[in-house]
Amino acid sequence: MQGSAEGCPAACCGVRRSGTWLTLSVCGYQSSMRALIAGATGFVGRRLGPALRSDGLEVRCLVRDSGSAPARRLAAEGFEVVEADLTQEADLRPAMEDVDVAYFLVHLIGRVADYSPLERRVAARFGAAAAANGVSQLVYLGGLGNEDGSIHLRSRRDVAMALRASGPPLTYFRAGMVVGAGSESYVLVRDIAERLPAIPAAAWMRTCTQPIGSRDVIAYLRRAPFVPESIGREVQIGGPRRLTPLELIDLMARALGRRPPRKMSIFGATPNAVSAGAGAVTTGDRAIASELTFGLASDTVVTDPSGAALFDVRPERLEISLQRAIEEDERLAEAAAA
């Protein structure tokens, strides 16, 4: 596909309706598709739905509780909403009917204590239902990094394996920290930069990470149905800059107009201790923050760029992504106070 991360230039896109389907020509690709988003009310899912719809896809949103405020907002915005609790033996045939591509963006971390086995079972059932109902492609967003030292990253990998084993061909995106207002990893880094005057400079925290902006993540995900070469393979995605978690905190502090926290050699700053501290400092989900911290012990960077090279997406600079997220934070705070 041609075009920027924001989407295709209008001059290269044409739309015509045929029966109940929308046929879209997107920069040379013809699309008559329906997409299902499982996890449509989450951080990524609620951004992906409008993007897919603007590309001409019919979008169906699978939610756990159709009466929840986020689900009602989706319905008010004109999305088709289907209710099913994936942690139970739910009938997924209504959700999968006439679906071409299904996005699995469900994560149970923070919802149940022993989330990893349940995530695998949920993924296996979802993949099997997709295969049984003729879905052509699954798309999943997992994490970068060495899974051995992190239950969170290991669960992401196991979910991908379960989807691949039980379902249609999988496009498996892998990303590190996603920078955007509401992202748990972004919230954690922001809160550390805002709240802590000093942080431990442990040797195990000098690994490398490769953050990517939420807009660029959506750009990759929305293009997946139009890049057939991505089907059945792993696609590692990241921003243009690699840096350590400590450098990222400094960059965040400067973006917020604050002095970066002092770095101190602190006895006992083990992964377990830092994980507990992260859960205490974040204004986000404490359980998720604690789990995310264990991922700092290994590099979370792109090691194989060949999958991302299939997509015409040029990720923006980290400083721009941080500024966008901070500005969105401010708008959300103002709206909440109004």
C-alpha atoms as a PDB file:
ATOM      1  CA  MET A   1       0.000   0.000   0.000  1.00  0.00           C
ATOM      2  CA  GLN A   2       1.005   3.591  -0.540  1.00  0.00           C
ATOM      3  CA  GLY A   3       0.399   6.500   1.799  1.00  0.00           C
ATOM      4  CA  SER A   4       1.401   7.702   5.200  1.00  0.00           C
ATOM      5  CA  ALA A   5       0.716   6.196   8.600  1.00  0.00           C
ATOM      6  CA  GLU A   6      -2.393   8.343   8.748  1.00  0.00           C
ATOM      7  CA  GLY A   7      -3.953   6.527   5.787  1.00  0.00           C
ATOM      8  CA  CYS A   8      -4.088   6.791   2.025  1.00  0.00           C
ATOM      9  CA  PRO A   9      -4.379  10.053   0.137  1.00  0.00           C
ATOM     10  CA  ALA A  10      -7.985  10.611  -0.848  1.00  0.00           C
ATOM     11  CA  ALA A  11      -7.072  10.843  -4.514  1.00  0.00           C
ATOM     12  CA  CYS A  12      -6.056   7.188  -4.638  1.00  0.00           C
ATOM     13  CA  CYS A  13      -9.145   5.733  -2.976  1.00  0.00           C
ATOM     14  CA  GLY A  14     -12.521   4.987  -4.524  1.00  0.00           C
ATOM     15  CA  VAL A  15     -15.671   3.601  -2.937  1.00  0.00           C
ATOM     16  CA  ARG A  16     -18.741   1.908  -4.368  1.00  0.00           C
ATOM     17  CA  ARG A  17     -21.523  -0.068  -2.734  1.00  0.00           C
ATOM     18  CA  SER A  18     -22.602  -3.488  -3.920  1.00  0.00           C
ATOM     19  CA  GLY A  19     -25.588  -4.939  -2.065  1.00  0.00           C
ATOM     20  CA  THR A  20     -24.871  -4.943   1.666  1.00  0.00           C
ATOM     21  CA  TRP A  21     -21.111  -4.882   1.169  1.00  0.00           C
ATOM     22  CA  LEU A  22     -18.834  -1.920   0.831  1.00  0.00           C
ATOM     23  CA  THR A  23     -16.278  -2.341  -1.933  1.00  0.00           C
ATOM     24  CA  LEU A  24     -13.228  -0.174  -1.453  1.00  0.00           C
ATOM     25  CA  SER A  25     -10.292   0.441  -3.733  1.00  0.00           C
ATOM     26  CA  VAL A  26      -7.415   1.426  -1.449  1.00  0.00           C
ATOM     27  CA  CYS A  27      -4.348   2.353  -3.433  1.00  0.00           C
ATOM     28  CA  GLY A  28      -4.800  -0.540  -5.818  1.00  0.00           C
ATOM     29  CA  TYR A  29      -6.361  -3.038  -3.401  1.00  0.00           C
ATOM     30  CA  GLN A  30     -10.020  -4.055  -3.692  1.00  0.00           C
ATOM     31  CA  SER A  31     -11.716  -4.669  -0.350  1.00  0.00           C
ATOM     32  CA  SER A  32     -15.110  -6.179   0.416  1.00  0.00           C
ATOM     33  CA  MET A  33     -14.428  -7.145   3.999  1.00  0.00           C
ATOM     34  CA  ARG A  34     -15.903  -7.420   7.430  1.00  0.00           C
ATOM     35  CA  ALA A  35     -13.558  -7.214  10.403  1.00  0.00           C
ATOM     36  CA  LEU A  36     -14.186  -8.489  13.926  1.00  0.00           C
ATOM     37  CA  ILE A  37     -12.331  -6.853  16.798  1.00  0.00           C
ATOM     38  CA  ALA A  38     -12.169  -8.865  20.017  1.00  0.00           C
ATOM     39  CA  GLY A  39     -11.093  -6.438  22.701  1.00  0.00           C
ATOM     40  CA  ALA A  40     -12.702  -3.489  20.947  1.00  0.00           C
ATOM     41  CA  THR A  41     -13.009  -1.372  24.106  1.00  0.00           C
ATOM     42  CA  GLY A  42      -9.319  -1.662  25.003  1.00  0.00           C
ATOM     43  CA  PHE A  43      -6.519   0.817  24.378  1.00  0.00           C
ATOM     44  CA  VAL A  44      -5.689  -0.504  20.897  1.00  0.00           C
ATOM     45  CA  GLY A  45      -9.122  -1.797  19.937  1.00  0.00           C
ATOM     46  CA  ARG A  46     -10.962   1.483  20.435  1.00  0.00           C
ATOM     47  CA  ARG A  47      -8.479   3.186  18.101  1.00  0.00           C
ATOM     48  CA  LEU A  48      -8.484   0.419  15.509  1.00  0.00           C
ATOM     49  CA  GLY A  49     -12.252   0.325  14.935  1.00  0.00           C
ATOM     50  CA  PRO A  50     -12.577   3.848  13.491  1.00  0.00           C
ATOM     51  CA  ALA A  51      -9.432   3.324  11.398  1.00  0.00           C
ATOM     52  CA  LEU A  52     -10.772   0.145   9.796  1.00  0.00           C
ATOM     53  CA  ARG A  53     -14.140   1.747   9.184  1.00  0.00           C
ATOM     54  CA  SER A  54     -12.497   4.721   7.485  1.00  0.00           C
ATOM     55  CA  ASP A  55     -10.737   2.199   5.227  1.00  0.00           C
ATOM     56  CA  GLY A  56     -14.150   0.928   4.167  1.00  0.00           C
ATOM     57  CA  LEU A  57     -14.391  -2.268   6.199  1.00  0.00           C
ATOM     58  CA  GLU A  58     -17.544  -3.290   8.007  1.00  0.00           C
ATOM     59  CA  VAL A  59     -16.504  -3.447  11.668  1.00  0.00           C
ATOM     60  CA  ARG A  60     -18.047  -5.700  14.294  1.00  0.00           C
ATOM     61  CA  CYS A  61     -16.983  -5.236  17.922  1.00  0.00           C
ATOM     62  CA  LEU A  62     -16.901  -8.174  20.307  1.00  0.00           C
ATOM     63  CA  VAL A  63     -17.302  -7.048  23.928  1.00  0.00           C
ATOM     64  CA  ARG A  64     -17.678  -8.813  27.255  1.00  0.00           C
ATOM     65  CA  ASP A  65     -20.525  -6.588  28.456  1.00  0.00           C
ATOM     66  CA  SER A  66     -22.645  -4.748  25.907  1.00  0.00           C
ATOM     67  CA  GLY A  67     -24.150  -2.659  28.708  1.00  0.00           C
ATOM     68  CA  SER A  68     -20.832  -1.174  29.783  1.00  0.00           C
ATOM     69  CA  ALA A  69     -20.136   2.502  29.086  1.00  0.00           C
ATOM     70  CA  PRO A  70     -17.352   1.768  26.526  1.00  0.00           C
ATOM     71  CA  ALA A  71     -19.567  -0.706  24.665  1.00  0.00           C
ATOM     72  CA  ARG A  72     -22.473   1.744  24.617  1.00  0.00           C
ATOM     73  CA  ARG A  73     -20.146   4.374  23.140  1.00  0.00           C
ATOM     74  CA  LEU A  74     -19.216   1.983  20.351  1.00  0.00           C
ATOM     75  CA  ALA A  75     -22.879   1.366  19.596  1.00  0.00           C
ATOM     76  CA  ALA A  76     -23.588   5.102  19.660  1.00  0.00           C
ATOM     77  CA  GLU A  77     -20.795   5.605  17.144  1.00  0.00           C
ATOM     78  CA  GLY A  78     -22.523   3.200  14.785  1.00  0.00           C
ATOM     79  CA  PHE A  79     -20.458   0.066  15.305  1.00  0.00           C
ATOM     80  CA  GLU A  80     -22.101  -3.338  15.380  1.00  0.00           C
ATOM     81  CA  VAL A  81     -21.632  -4.674  18.914  1.00  0.00           C
ATOM     82  CA  VAL A  82     -21.819  -8.367  19.825  1.00  0.00           C
ATOM     83  CA  GLU A  83     -21.586  -9.604  23.397  1.00  0.00           C
ATOM     84  CA  ALA A  84     -19.681 -12.720  24.427  1.00  0.00           C
ATOM     85  CA  ASP A  85     -17.545 -13.516  27.459  1.00  0.00           C
ATOM     86  CA  LEU A  86     -14.530 -15.260  25.977  1.00  0.00           C
ATOM     87  CA  THR A  87     -13.515 -16.648  29.361  1.00  0.00           C
ATOM     88  CA  GLN A  88     -16.664 -18.783  29.268  1.00  0.00           C
ATOM     89  CA  GLU A  89     -17.849 -21.387  26.755  1.00  0.00           C
ATOM     90  CA  ALA A  90     -19.649 -18.747  24.710  1.00  0.00           C
ATOM     91  CA  ASP A  91     -21.187 -19.364  21.290  1.00  0.00           C
ATOM     92  CA  LEU A  92     -19.035 -17.302  18.941  1.00  0.00           C
ATOM     93  CA  ARG A  93     -20.923 -18.093  15.739  1.00  0.00           C
ATOM     94  CA  PRO A  94     -22.900 -14.812  15.749  1.00  0.00           C
ATOM     95  CA  ALA A  95     -19.675 -12.875  16.190  1.00  0.00           C
ATOM     96  CA  MET A  96     -17.826 -14.768  13.445  1.00  0.00           C
ATOM     97  CA  GLU A  97     -20.603 -14.788  10.844  1.00  0.00           C
ATOM     98  CA  ASP A  98     -19.431 -13.350   7.498  1.00  0.00           C
ATOM     99  CA  VAL A  99     -16.139 -12.170   9.017  1.00  0.00           C
ATOM    100  CA  ASP A 100     -13.064 -12.038   6.802  1.00  0.00           C
ATOM    101  CA  VAL A 101     -10.421 -10.880   9.270  1.00  0.00           C
ATOM    102  CA  ALA A 102     -10.550 -11.214  13.052  1.00  0.00           C
ATOM    103  CA  TYR A 103      -8.368  -9.153  15.396  1.00  0.00           C
ATOM    104  CA  PHE A 104      -7.612 -10.751  18.750  1.00  0.00           C
ATOM    105  CA  LEU A 105      -6.717  -7.919  21.156  1.00  0.00           C
ATOM    106  CA  VAL A 106      -7.830  -9.573  24.384  1.00  0.00           C
ATOM    107  CA  HIS A 107      -5.533  -9.511  27.418  1.00  0.00           C
ATOM    108  CA  LEU A 108      -6.533 -10.815  30.832  1.00  0.00           C
ATOM    109  CA  ILE A 109      -3.574  -9.486  32.809  1.00  0.00           C
ATOM    110  CA  GLY A 110      -4.923  -7.543  35.758  1.00  0.00           C
ATOM    111  CA  ARG A 111      -8.332  -9.245  35.559  1.00  0.00           C
ATOM    112  CA  VAL A 112      -7.481 -12.645  37.030  1.00  0.00           C
ATOM    113  CA  ALA A 113      -4.526 -13.735  39.139  1.00  0.00           C
ATOM    114  CA  ASP A 114      -3.436 -16.747  37.093  1.00  0.00           C
ATOM    115  CA  TYR A 115      -4.159 -15.152  33.730  1.00  0.00           C
ATOM    116  CA  SER A 116      -1.680 -16.974  31.498  1.00  0.00           C
ATOM    117  CA  PRO A 117      -3.390 -20.409  31.253  1.00  0.00           C
ATOM    118  CA  LEU A 118      -6.768 -18.739  30.804  1.00  0.00           C
ATOM    119  CA  GLU A 119      -5.422 -16.535  27.996  1.00  0.00           C
ATOM    120  CA  ARG A 120      -4.182 -19.624  26.161  1.00  0.00           C
ATOM    121  CA  ARG A 121      -7.558 -21.342  26.457  1.00  0.00           C
ATOM    122  CA  VAL A 122      -9.419 -18.226  25.330  1.00  0.00           C
ATOM    123  CA  ALA A 123      -7.115 -17.840  22.325  1.00  0.00           C
ATOM    124  CA  ALA A 124      -7.501 -21.488  21.354  1.00  0.00           C
ATOM    125  CA  ARG A 125     -11.309 -21.263  21.473  1.00  0.00           C
ATOM    126  CA  PHE A 126     -11.297 -18.015  19.512  1.00  0.00           C
ATOM    127  CA  GLY A 127      -9.003 -19.439  16.833  1.00  0.00           C
ATOM    128  CA  ALA A 128     -11.057 -22.625  16.515  1.00  0.00           C
ATOM    129  CA  ALA A 129     -14.288 -20.634  16.179  1.00  0.00           C
ATOM    130  CA  ALA A 130     -12.701 -18.455  13.510  1.00  0.00           C
ATOM    131  CA  ALA A 131     -11.569 -21.495  11.537  1.00  0.00           C
ATOM    132  CA  ALA A 132     -14.955 -23.206  11.854  1.00  0.00           C
ATOM    133  CA  ASN A 133     -16.753 -20.117  10.555  1.00  0.00           C
ATOM    134  CA  GLY A 134     -14.566 -19.501   7.526  1.00  0.00           C
ATOM    135  CA  VAL A 135     -12.543 -16.498   8.731  1.00  0.00           C
ATOM    136  CA  SER A 136      -9.598 -16.020   6.377  1.00  0.00           C
ATOM    137  CA  GLN A 137      -7.099 -14.230   8.615  1.00  0.00           C
ATOM    138  CA  LEU A 138      -6.339 -13.673  12.281  1.00  0.00           C
ATOM    139  CA  VAL A 139      -4.360 -10.659  13.509  1.00  0.00           C
ATOM    140  CA  TYR A 140      -2.761 -10.483  16.947  1.00  0.00           C
ATOM    141  CA  LEU A 141      -0.586  -7.911  18.707  1.00  0.00           C
ATOM    142  CA  GLY A 142       1.951  -9.400  21.095  1.00  0.00           C
ATOM    143  CA  GLY A 143       5.162  -8.179  22.684  1.00  0.00           C
ATOM    144  CA  LEU A 144       8.839  -7.951  21.814  1.00  0.00           C
ATOM    145  CA  GLY A 145      11.532  -9.375  24.045  1.00  0.00           C
ATOM    146  CA  ASN A 146      12.816 -12.532  25.661  1.00  0.00           C
ATOM    147  CA  GLU A 147       9.817 -14.311  27.114  1.00  0.00           C
ATOM    148  CA  ASP A 148      11.750 -16.492  29.572  1.00  0.00           C
ATOM    149  CA  GLY A 149      12.012 -13.878  32.325  1.00  0.00           C
ATOM    150  CA  SER A 150       8.511 -12.415  32.053  1.00  0.00           C
ATOM    151  CA  ILE A 151       5.193 -14.172  32.595  1.00  0.00           C
ATOM    152  CA  HIS A 152       3.536 -11.331  30.695  1.00  0.00           C
ATOM    153  CA  LEU A 153       5.707 -11.728  27.581  1.00  0.00           C
ATOM    154  CA  ARG A 154       5.575 -15.515  27.790  1.00  0.00           C
ATOM    155  CA  SER A 155       1.790 -15.382  27.869  1.00  0.00           C
ATOM    156  CA  ARG A 156       1.775 -13.144  24.774  1.00  0.00           C
ATOM    157  CA  ARG A 157       3.904 -15.709  22.954  1.00  0.00           C
ATOM    158  CA  ASP A 158       1.727 -18.612  24.106  1.00  0.00           C
ATOM    159  CA  VAL A 159      -1.413 -16.809  22.933  1.00  0.00           C
ATOM    160  CA  ALA A 160       0.111 -16.395  19.485  1.00  0.00           C
ATOM    161  CA  MET A 161       0.996 -20.089  19.404  1.00  0.00           C
ATOM    162  CA  ALA A 162      -2.547 -21.050  20.433  1.00  0.00           C
ATOM    163  CA  LEU A 163      -4.089 -18.843  17.745  1.00  0.00           C
ATOM    164  CA  ARG A 164      -1.700 -20.219  15.139  1.00  0.00           C
ATOM    165  CA  ALA A 165      -2.402 -23.821  16.109  1.00  0.00           C
ATOM    166  CA  SER A 166      -6.186 -23.598  16.240  1.00  0.00           C
ATOM    167  CA  GLY A 167      -7.186 -20.856  13.817  1.00  0.00           C
ATOM    168  CA  PRO A 168      -6.812 -19.457  10.314  1.00  0.00           C
ATOM    169  CA  PRO A 169      -3.453 -18.067   9.136  1.00  0.00           C
ATOM    170  CA  LEU A 170      -2.115 -15.559  11.651  1.00  0.00           C
ATOM    171  CA  THR A 171      -0.453 -12.192  11.192  1.00  0.00           C
ATOM    172  CA  TYR A 172       1.481 -11.888  14.437  1.00  0.00           C
ATOM    173  CA  PHE A 173       2.570  -8.337  15.227  1.00  0.00           C
ATOM    174  CA  ARG A 174       5.081  -7.846  18.037  1.00  0.00           C
ATOM    175  CA  ALA A 175       5.726  -4.461  19.628  1.00  0.00           C
ATOM    176  CA  GLY A 176       7.464  -3.090  22.691  1.00  0.00           C
ATOM    177  CA  MET A 177       6.103  -0.108  24.611  1.00  0.00           C
ATOM    178  CA  VAL A 178       3.208   1.556  22.795  1.00  0.00           C
ATOM    179  CA  VAL A 179       3.215   5.311  23.404  1.00  0.00           C
ATOM    180  CA  GLY A 180      -0.272   6.743  23.717  1.00  0.00           C
ATOM    181  CA  ALA A 181      -2.595   8.183  26.333  1.00  0.00           C
ATOM    182  CA  GLY A 182      -4.107   5.266  28.222  1.00  0.00           C
ATOM    183  CA  SER A 183      -1.405   2.735  27.401  1.00  0.00           C
ATOM    184  CA  GLU A 184      -0.424   1.092  30.687  1.00  0.00           C
ATOM    185  CA  SER A 185       3.291   1.213  29.851  1.00  0.00           C
ATOM    186  CA  TYR A 186       3.052   4.887  28.894  1.00  0.00           C
ATOM    187  CA  VAL A 187       1.135   5.700  32.088  1.00  0.00           C
ATOM    188  CA  LEU A 188       3.792   3.922  34.159  1.00  0.00           C
ATOM    189  CA  VAL A 189       6.703   5.796  32.562  1.00  0.00           C
ATOM    190  CA  ARG A 190       4.822   9.106  32.842  1.00  0.00           C
ATOM    191  CA  ASP A 191       4.048   8.565  36.509  1.00  0.00           C
ATOM    192  CA  ILE A 192       7.651   7.633  37.323  1.00  0.00           C
ATOM    193  CA  ALA A 193       8.879  10.793  35.585  1.00  0.00           C
ATOM    194  CA  GLU A 194       6.293  12.943  37.389  1.00  0.00           C
ATOM    195  CA  ARG A 195       6.300  11.412  40.857  1.00  0.00           C
ATOM    196  CA  LEU A 196       9.763  10.133  41.694  1.00  0.00           C
ATOM    197  CA  PRO A 197      12.725  12.437  42.434  1.00  0.00           C
ATOM    198  CA  ALA A 198      15.129   9.494  42.213  1.00  0.00           C
ATOM    199  CA  ILE A 199      15.100   6.029  40.664  1.00  0.00           C
ATOM    200  CA  PRO A 200      17.402   3.002  40.954  1.00  0.00           C
ATOM    201  CA  ALA A 201      20.120   2.629  38.335  1.00  0.00           C
ATOM    202  CA  ALA A 202      20.368  -1.148  38.522  1.00  0.00           C
ATOM    203  CA  ALA A 203      22.504  -2.890  35.910  1.00  0.00           C
ATOM    204  CA  TRP A 204      19.594  -5.044  34.789  1.00  0.00           C
ATOM    205  CA  MET A 205      17.691  -1.861  33.823  1.00  0.00           C
ATOM    206  CA  ARG A 206      20.253  -0.935  31.160  1.00  0.00           C
ATOM    207  CA  THR A 207      18.621  -3.048  28.508  1.00  0.00           C
ATOM    208  CA  CYS A 208      17.286  -1.538  25.285  1.00  0.00           C
ATOM    209  CA  THR A 209      13.707  -0.836  24.310  1.00  0.00           C
ATOM    210  CA  GLN A 210      12.191   0.473  21.070  1.00  0.00           C
ATOM    211  CA  PRO A 211       8.933   2.327  21.771  1.00  0.00           C
ATOM    212  CA  ILE A 212       6.417   2.957  19.015  1.00  0.00           C
ATOM    213  CA  GLY A 213       3.584   5.471  18.834  1.00  0.00           C
ATOM    214  CA  SER A 214      -0.009   4.280  19.005  1.00  0.00           C
ATOM    215  CA  ARG A 215      -0.777   5.906  15.643  1.00  0.00           C
ATOM    216  CA  ASP A 216       1.914   3.808  13.998  1.00  0.00           C
ATOM    217  CA  VAL A 217       0.689   0.608  15.663  1.00  0.00           C
ATOM    218  CA  ILE A 218      -2.771   1.281  14.263  1.00  0.00           C
ATOM    219  CA  ALA A 219      -1.232   2.015  10.848  1.00  0.00           C
ATOM    220  CA  TYR A 220       0.309  -1.466  10.779  1.00  0.00           C
ATOM    221  CA  LEU A 221      -2.772  -3.233  12.108  1.00  0.00           C
ATOM    222  CA  ARG A 222      -5.199  -1.551   9.710  1.00  0.00           C
ATOM    223  CA  ARG A 223      -3.054  -2.505   6.709  1.00  0.00           C
ATOM    224  CA  ALA A 224      -2.801  -6.189   7.620  1.00  0.00           C
ATOM    225  CA  PRO A 225      -5.815  -7.273   5.500  1.00  0.00           C
ATOM    226  CA  PHE A 226      -4.253  -5.568   2.467  1.00  0.00           C
ATOM    227  CA  VAL A 227      -0.759  -7.063   2.809  1.00  0.00           C
ATOM    228  CA  PRO A 228      -1.165 -10.747   1.922  1.00  0.00           C
ATOM    229  CA  GLU A 229       2.554 -11.360   2.382  1.00  0.00           C
ATOM    230  CA  SER A 230       2.070 -10.742   6.125  1.00  0.00           C
ATOM    231  CA  ILE A 231      -0.368 -13.621   6.514  1.00  0.00           C
ATOM    232  CA  GLY A 232       1.160 -16.554   8.339  1.00  0.00           C
ATOM    233  CA  ARG A 233       4.213 -14.696   9.617  1.00  0.00           C
ATOM    234  CA  GLU A 234       5.622 -12.618  12.462  1.00  0.00           C
ATOM    235  CA  VAL A 235       5.893  -8.854  12.017  1.00  0.00           C
ATOM    236  CA  GLN A 236       8.126  -7.052  14.514  1.00  0.00           C
ATOM    237  CA  ILE A 237       7.393  -3.333  14.767  1.00  0.00           C
ATOM    238  CA  GLY A 238       9.116  -0.504  16.596  1.00  0.00           C
ATOM    239  CA  GLY A 239       9.891   3.170  16.430  1.00  0.00           C
ATOM    240  CA  PRO A 240      13.076   4.640  14.951  1.00  0.00           C
ATOM    241  CA  ARG A 241      14.932   4.980  18.280  1.00  0.00           C
ATOM    242  CA  ARG A 242      16.406   2.478  20.718  1.00  0.00           C
ATOM    243  CA  LEU A 243      17.151   3.569  24.266  1.00  0.00           C
ATOM    244  CA  THR A 244      17.335   2.235  27.808  1.00  0.00           C
ATOM    245  CA  PRO A 245      14.359   2.459  30.185  1.00  0.00           C
ATOM    246  CA  LEU A 246      16.298   5.047  32.204  1.00  0.00           C
ATOM    247  CA  GLU A 247      16.844   7.167  29.084  1.00  0.00           C
ATOM    248  CA  LEU A 248      13.157   6.840  28.253  1.00  0.00           C
ATOM    249  CA  ILE A 249      12.196   8.147  31.689  1.00  0.00           C
ATOM    250  CA  ASP A 250      14.533  11.116  31.186  1.00  0.00           C
ATOM    251  CA  LEU A 251      12.992  11.833  27.792  1.00  0.00           C
ATOM    252  CA  MET A 252       9.507  11.660  29.268  1.00  0.00           C
ATOM    253  CA  ALA A 253      10.446  14.028  32.079  1.00  0.00           C
ATOM    254  CA  ARG A 254      11.798  16.594  29.630  1.00  0.00           C
ATOM    255  CA  ALA A 255       8.668  16.275  27.474  1.00  0.00           C
ATOM    256  CA  LEU A 256       6.652  17.053  30.602  1.00  0.00           C
ATOM    257  CA  GLY A 257       8.838  20.071  31.354  1.00  0.00           C
ATOM    258  CA  ARG A 258      10.332  18.455  34.441  1.00  0.00           C
ATOM    259  CA  ARG A 259      13.820  17.659  35.654  1.00  0.00           C
ATOM    260  CA  PRO A 260      14.690  13.973  35.083  1.00  0.00           C
ATOM    261  CA  PRO A 261      14.848  11.858  38.253  1.00  0.00           C
ATOM    262  CA  ARG A 262      18.271  11.306  39.801  1.00  0.00           C
ATOM    263  CA  LYS A 263      19.796   7.880  39.201  1.00  0.00           C
ATOM    264  CA  MET A 264      20.995   6.160  42.356  1.00  0.00           C
ATOM    265  CA  SER A 265      22.679   2.885  43.174  1.00  0.00           C
ATOM    266  CA  ILE A 266      20.144   1.373  45.547  1.00  0.00           C
ATOM    267  CA  PHE A 267      20.874  -1.861  47.393  1.00  0.00           C
ATOM    268  CA  GLY A 268      18.166  -4.436  46.836  1.00  0.00           C
ATOM    269  CA  ALA A 269      16.808  -2.952  43.581  1.00  0.00           C
ATOM    270  CA  THR A 270      15.972  -6.402  42.253  1.00  0.00           C
ATOM    271  CA  PRO A 271      13.324  -7.001  39.573  1.00  0.00           C
ATOM    272  CA  ASN A 272      10.899  -8.110  42.298  1.00  0.00           C
ATOM    273  CA  ALA A 273      11.485  -4.977  44.370  1.00  0.00           C
ATOM    274  CA  VAL A 274      11.239  -2.611  41.397  1.00  0.00           C
ATOM    275  CA  SER A 275       8.110  -4.417  40.227  1.00  0.00           C
ATOM    276  CA  ALA A 276       6.457  -3.815  43.604  1.00  0.00           C
ATOM    277  CA  GLY A 277       7.495  -0.157  43.462  1.00  0.00           C
ATOM    278  CA  ALA A 278       6.056   0.252  39.974  1.00  0.00           C
ATOM    279  CA  GLY A 279       2.714  -1.039  41.174  1.00  0.00           C
ATOM    280  CA  ALA A 280       2.751   1.525  43.977  1.00  0.00           C
ATOM    281  CA  VAL A 281       3.651   4.559  41.857  1.00  0.00           C
ATOM    282  CA  THR A 282       1.396   4.103  38.835  1.00  0.00           C
ATOM    283  CA  THR A 283      -2.035   5.668  38.509  1.00  0.00           C
ATOM    284  CA  GLY A 284      -2.874   2.885  36.060  1.00  0.00           C
ATOM    285  CA  ASP A 285      -3.483  -0.769  36.817  1.00  0.00           C
ATOM    286  CA  ARG A 286      -1.089  -1.836  39.581  1.00  0.00           C
ATOM    287  CA  ALA A 287      -1.005  -5.498  38.641  1.00  0.00           C
ATOM    288  CA  ILE A 288      -0.217  -4.686  35.011  1.00  0.00           C
ATOM    289  CA  ALA A 289       2.490  -2.190  35.984  1.00  0.00           C
ATOM    290  CA  SER A 290       4.165  -4.784  38.177  1.00  0.00           C
ATOM    291  CA  GLU A 291       4.117  -7.370  35.401  1.00  0.00           C
ATOM    292  CA  LEU A 292       5.426  -4.909  32.803  1.00  0.00           C
ATOM    293  CA  THR A 293       8.447  -4.122  34.946  1.00  0.00           C
ATOM    294  CA  PHE A 294       9.746  -7.687  34.684  1.00  0.00           C
ATOM    295  CA  GLY A 295      10.016  -7.174  30.931  1.00  0.00           C
ATOM    296  CA  LEU A 296      12.748  -4.569  31.536  1.00  0.00           C
ATOM    297  CA  ALA A 297      15.235  -7.343  32.270  1.00  0.00           C
ATOM    298  CA  SER A 298      15.614  -8.126  28.556  1.00  0.00           C
ATOM    299  CA  ASP A 299      15.849  -6.107  25.361  1.00  0.00           C
ATOM    300  CA  THR A 300      12.486  -5.331  23.761  1.00  0.00           C
ATOM    301  CA  VAL A 301      13.692  -4.320  20.314  1.00  0.00           C
ATOM    302  CA  VAL A 302      13.103  -5.335  16.710  1.00  0.00           C
ATOM    303  CA  THR A 303      15.559  -8.071  15.731  1.00  0.00           C
ATOM    304  CA  ASP A 304      13.994  -8.948  12.378  1.00  0.00           C
ATOM    305  CA  PRO A 305      12.731  -5.939  10.369  1.00  0.00           C
ATOM    306  CA  SER A 306      11.716  -7.982   7.318  1.00  0.00           C
ATOM    307  CA  GLY A 307       8.053  -8.234   8.341  1.00  0.00           C
ATOM    308  CA  ALA A 308       7.663  -4.507   8.953  1.00  0.00           C
ATOM    309  CA  ALA A 309       9.326  -3.836   5.581  1.00  0.00           C
ATOM    310  CA  LEU A 310       6.225  -5.306   3.901  1.00  0.00           C
ATOM    311  CA  PHE A 311       4.220  -2.294   5.129  1.00  0.00           C
ATOM    312  CA  ASP A 312       4.478   1.263   3.892  1.00  0.00           C
ATOM    313  CA  VAL A 313       4.574   2.696   7.400  1.00  0.00           C
ATOM    314  CA  ARG A 314       7.243   5.121   8.561  1.00  0.00           C
ATOM    315  CA  PRO A 315       7.056   5.382  12.358  1.00  0.00           C
ATOM    316  CA  GLU A 316       7.325   8.877  13.750  1.00  0.00           C
ATOM    317  CA  ARG A 317      10.029  10.068  16.125  1.00  0.00           C
ATOM    318  CA  LEU A 318       9.607   9.127  19.773  1.00  0.00           C
ATOM    319  CA  GLU A 319       9.570  12.773  20.851  1.00  0.00           C
ATOM    320  CA  ILE A 320       6.542  13.373  18.615  1.00  0.00           C
ATOM    321  CA  SER A 321       4.721  10.320  19.945  1.00  0.00           C
ATOM    322  CA  LEU A 322       5.336  11.428  23.522  1.00  0.00           C
ATOM    323  CA  GLN A 323       4.085  14.935  22.805  1.00  0.00           C
ATOM    324  CA  ARG A 324       0.924  13.584  21.164  1.00  0.00           C
ATOM    325  CA  ALA A 325       0.254  11.381  24.194  1.00  0.00           C
ATOM    326  CA  ILE A 326       0.833  14.203  26.674  1.00  0.00           C
ATOM    327  CA  GLU A 327      -1.497  16.511  24.748  1.00  0.00           C
ATOM    328  CA  GLU A 328      -4.181  13.808  24.632  1.00  0.00           C
ATOM    329  CA  ASP A 329      -3.757  13.303  28.386  1.00  0.00           C
ATOM    330  CA  GLU A 330      -4.374  17.015  28.905  1.00  0.00           C
ATOM    331  CA  ARG A 331      -7.480  17.014  26.695  1.00  0.00           C
ATOM    332  CA  LEU A 332      -8.909  14.013  28.522  1.00  0.00           C
ATOM    333  CA  ALA A 333      -8.236  15.650  31.891  1.00  0.00           C
ATOM    334  CA  GLU A 334      -9.942  18.854  30.786  1.00  0.00           C
ATOM    335  CA  ALA A 335     -12.942  16.922  29.467  1.00  0.00           C
ATOM    336  CA  ALA A 336     -13.231  14.982  32.731  1.00  0.00           C
ATOM    337  CA  ALA A 337     -13.130  18.206  34.746  1.00  0.00           C
ATOM    338  CA  ALA A 338     -15.747  19.962  32.606  1.00  0.00           C
END
